[in-house]
Amino acid sequence: MELENNKIFFGIAKVGTKGQIVIPMSARKQYDIRPGDNVLLLGDKANGLWIATADAFDKLAPGALAEIVKGRI
């Protein structure tokens, strides 16, 4: 479901007994995530958990890492 500000809601994933989740097919297609790809998990206690493709994070890493060090993320 398309939301405002380029945000997309893909659905809900259930956590399995081994702590695994399945990324919905629509999200995998949108972000070209394939078996064997690496994804990065980011989060904080107040705002939750985010999943980013490793390739996308590589493009954002210098700025994002600086913000993490400053305590802004």
N, C-alpha and C. Protein backbone atom coordinates (compact mmCIF):
# COMPACT_ATOMS: atom_id res chain seq x y z
N MET A 1 0.85 -1.16 0.00
CA MET A 1 0.00 0.00 0.00
C MET A 1 0.90 1.23 0.00
N GLU A 2 0.66 2.11 -0.93
CA GLU A 2 1.43 3.34 -1.08
C GLU A 2 0.98 4.35 -0.02
N LEU A 3 1.93 4.90 0.72
CA LEU A 3 1.66 5.91 1.74
C LEU A 3 2.25 7.23 1.29
N GLU A 4 2.16 8.27 2.08
CA GLU A 4 2.73 9.56 1.69
C GLU A 4 4.25 9.56 1.85
N ASN A 5 4.90 10.52 1.24
CA ASN A 5 6.36 10.71 1.32
C ASN A 5 7.15 9.50 0.84
N ASN A 6 6.70 8.87 -0.25
CA ASN A 6 7.40 7.72 -0.84
C ASN A 6 7.51 6.52 0.08
N LYS A 7 6.65 6.39 1.06
CA LYS A 7 6.65 5.25 1.97
C LYS A 7 5.69 4.19 1.42
N ILE A 8 6.04 2.93 1.63
CA ILE A 8 5.21 1.82 1.15
C ILE A 8 5.02 0.83 2.30
N PHE A 9 3.78 0.41 2.52
CA PHE A 9 3.47 -0.63 3.51
C PHE A 9 3.37 -1.95 2.76
N PHE A 10 4.22 -2.92 3.11
CA PHE A 10 4.24 -4.20 2.41
C PHE A 10 3.49 -5.30 3.13
N GLY A 11 3.16 -5.12 4.37
CA GLY A 11 2.43 -6.15 5.10
C GLY A 11 3.11 -6.47 6.42
N ILE A 12 2.73 -7.59 6.99
CA ILE A 12 3.25 -8.02 8.28
C ILE A 12 3.93 -9.37 8.10
N ALA A 13 5.08 -9.53 8.75
CA ALA A 13 5.80 -10.81 8.69
C ALA A 13 5.81 -11.42 10.09
N LYS A 14 5.58 -12.72 10.15
CA LYS A 14 5.60 -13.43 11.42
C LYS A 14 7.01 -13.96 11.67
N VAL A 15 7.47 -13.85 12.90
CA VAL A 15 8.78 -14.38 13.28
C VAL A 15 8.62 -15.86 13.59
N GLY A 16 9.45 -16.68 12.92
CA GLY A 16 9.40 -18.12 13.12
C GLY A 16 10.15 -18.54 14.38
N THR A 17 10.12 -19.82 14.67
CA THR A 17 10.74 -20.35 15.88
C THR A 17 12.25 -20.15 15.91
N LYS A 18 12.87 -20.01 14.75
CA LYS A 18 14.32 -19.78 14.66
C LYS A 18 14.65 -18.29 14.56
N GLY A 19 13.66 -17.43 14.73
CA GLY A 19 13.88 -15.99 14.66
C GLY A 19 13.91 -15.45 13.24
N GLN A 20 13.49 -16.24 12.29
CA GLN A 20 13.51 -15.83 10.89
C GLN A 20 12.20 -15.17 10.49
N ILE A 21 12.30 -14.23 9.53
CA ILE A 21 11.11 -13.64 8.94
C ILE A 21 11.19 -13.81 7.43
N VAL A 22 10.04 -13.78 6.78
CA VAL A 22 9.98 -13.82 5.33
C VAL A 22 9.64 -12.41 4.86
N ILE A 23 10.49 -11.87 4.00
CA ILE A 23 10.22 -10.56 3.42
C ILE A 23 9.16 -10.76 2.35
N PRO A 24 8.06 -10.01 2.41
CA PRO A 24 6.99 -10.20 1.43
C PRO A 24 7.49 -10.09 -0.01
N MET A 25 6.91 -10.90 -0.89
CA MET A 25 7.33 -10.93 -2.29
C MET A 25 7.29 -9.54 -2.92
N SER A 26 6.27 -8.76 -2.63
CA SER A 26 6.17 -7.43 -3.24
C SER A 26 7.36 -6.55 -2.83
N ALA A 27 7.84 -6.68 -1.61
CA ALA A 27 9.00 -5.92 -1.16
C ALA A 27 10.27 -6.44 -1.82
N ARG A 28 10.38 -7.78 -1.95
CA ARG A 28 11.56 -8.35 -2.61
C ARG A 28 11.64 -7.90 -4.05
N LYS A 29 10.50 -7.85 -4.74
CA LYS A 29 10.49 -7.38 -6.12
C LYS A 29 10.83 -5.90 -6.21
N GLN A 30 10.23 -5.09 -5.35
CA GLN A 30 10.45 -3.64 -5.36
C GLN A 30 11.93 -3.30 -5.17
N TYR A 31 12.60 -4.04 -4.29
CA TYR A 31 13.99 -3.73 -3.95
C TYR A 31 14.98 -4.74 -4.52
N ASP A 32 14.51 -5.60 -5.42
CA ASP A 32 15.35 -6.58 -6.10
C ASP A 32 16.18 -7.39 -5.11
N ILE A 33 15.52 -7.90 -4.08
CA ILE A 33 16.18 -8.74 -3.07
C ILE A 33 16.03 -10.19 -3.51
N ARG A 34 17.16 -10.88 -3.62
CA ARG A 34 17.18 -12.26 -4.10
C ARG A 34 17.81 -13.18 -3.07
N PRO A 35 17.55 -14.48 -3.18
CA PRO A 35 18.18 -15.43 -2.25
C PRO A 35 19.70 -15.24 -2.24
N GLY A 36 20.27 -15.21 -1.05
CA GLY A 36 21.71 -15.03 -0.91
C GLY A 36 22.14 -13.58 -0.73
N ASP A 37 21.25 -12.62 -1.01
CA ASP A 37 21.58 -11.21 -0.81
C ASP A 37 21.72 -10.92 0.68
N ASN A 38 22.52 -9.94 0.99
CA ASN A 38 22.66 -9.49 2.38
C ASN A 38 21.76 -8.30 2.62
N VAL A 39 21.14 -8.27 3.79
CA VAL A 39 20.37 -7.10 4.22
C VAL A 39 20.93 -6.64 5.56
N LEU A 40 20.76 -5.39 5.82
CA LEU A 40 21.26 -4.78 7.04
C LEU A 40 20.08 -4.49 7.96
N LEU A 41 20.21 -4.81 9.23
CA LEU A 41 19.16 -4.53 10.21
C LEU A 41 19.63 -3.37 11.08
N LEU A 42 18.83 -2.33 11.12
CA LEU A 42 19.14 -1.13 11.90
C LEU A 42 17.98 -0.86 12.85
N GLY A 43 18.26 -0.27 13.97
CA GLY A 43 17.16 0.07 14.85
C GLY A 43 17.62 0.79 16.10
N ASP A 44 16.65 1.24 16.83
CA ASP A 44 16.90 1.79 18.15
C ASP A 44 15.72 1.43 19.04
N LYS A 45 15.92 1.51 20.33
CA LYS A 45 14.90 1.05 21.27
C LYS A 45 13.60 1.84 21.17
N ALA A 46 13.68 3.12 20.83
CA ALA A 46 12.48 3.95 20.78
C ALA A 46 11.71 3.84 19.47
N ASN A 47 12.41 3.62 18.35
CA ASN A 47 11.75 3.71 17.05
C ASN A 47 11.65 2.40 16.28
N GLY A 48 12.16 1.32 16.81
CA GLY A 48 11.98 0.03 16.16
C GLY A 48 13.13 -0.41 15.28
N LEU A 49 12.81 -1.30 14.35
CA LEU A 49 13.79 -1.99 13.53
C LEU A 49 13.54 -1.69 12.06
N TRP A 50 14.61 -1.48 11.30
CA TRP A 50 14.52 -1.26 9.86
C TRP A 50 15.40 -2.26 9.15
N ILE A 51 14.98 -2.64 7.95
CA ILE A 51 15.77 -3.52 7.09
C ILE A 51 16.16 -2.72 5.86
N ALA A 52 17.43 -2.76 5.51
CA ALA A 52 17.91 -2.08 4.31
C ALA A 52 18.74 -3.06 3.50
N THR A 53 18.69 -2.94 2.18
CA THR A 53 19.58 -3.76 1.37
C THR A 53 21.00 -3.27 1.61
N ALA A 54 21.93 -4.19 1.58
CA ALA A 54 23.33 -3.82 1.81
C ALA A 54 23.81 -2.83 0.77
N ASP A 55 23.40 -3.00 -0.50
CA ASP A 55 23.81 -2.07 -1.56
C ASP A 55 23.30 -0.66 -1.30
N ALA A 56 22.04 -0.54 -0.88
CA ALA A 56 21.48 0.78 -0.59
C ALA A 56 22.20 1.42 0.58
N PHE A 57 22.52 0.64 1.59
CA PHE A 57 23.20 1.20 2.75
C PHE A 57 24.60 1.66 2.41
N ASP A 58 25.28 0.94 1.50
CA ASP A 58 26.63 1.35 1.08
C ASP A 58 26.62 2.79 0.55
N LYS A 59 25.56 3.17 -0.16
CA LYS A 59 25.45 4.52 -0.71
C LYS A 59 25.22 5.55 0.39
N LEU A 60 24.53 5.15 1.46
CA LEU A 60 24.18 6.07 2.54
C LEU A 60 25.14 6.00 3.73
N ALA A 61 25.99 4.99 3.76
CA ALA A 61 26.81 4.70 4.94
C ALA A 61 27.61 5.88 5.48
N PRO A 62 28.35 6.61 4.67
CA PRO A 62 29.16 7.68 5.27
C PRO A 62 28.34 8.67 6.09
N GLY A 63 27.23 9.14 5.56
CA GLY A 63 26.38 10.08 6.28
C GLY A 63 25.67 9.43 7.44
N ALA A 64 25.17 8.21 7.24
CA ALA A 64 24.43 7.52 8.29
C ALA A 64 25.33 7.18 9.47
N LEU A 65 26.53 6.71 9.18
CA LEU A 65 27.44 6.37 10.27
C LEU A 65 27.80 7.61 11.08
N ALA A 66 27.99 8.73 10.42
CA ALA A 66 28.27 9.98 11.13
C ALA A 66 27.12 10.35 12.06
N GLU A 67 25.87 10.16 11.60
CA GLU A 67 24.71 10.48 12.42
C GLU A 67 24.59 9.53 13.62
N ILE A 68 24.94 8.25 13.40
CA ILE A 68 24.91 7.29 14.49
C ILE A 68 25.90 7.69 15.57
N VAL A 69 27.11 8.06 15.14
CA VAL A 69 28.15 8.46 16.10
C VAL A 69 27.70 9.70 16.88
N LYS A 70 27.00 10.61 16.23
CA LYS A 70 26.51 11.83 16.89
C LYS A 70 25.29 11.55 17.77
N GLY A 71 24.76 10.34 17.70
CA GLY A 71 23.59 9.98 18.51
C GLY A 71 22.28 10.46 17.94
N ARG A 72 22.26 10.82 16.66
CA ARG A 72 21.04 11.32 16.04
C ARG A 72 20.18 10.20 15.45
N ILE A 73 20.76 9.04 15.24
CA ILE A 73 20.00 7.91 14.69
C ILE A 73 19.98 6.81 15.73
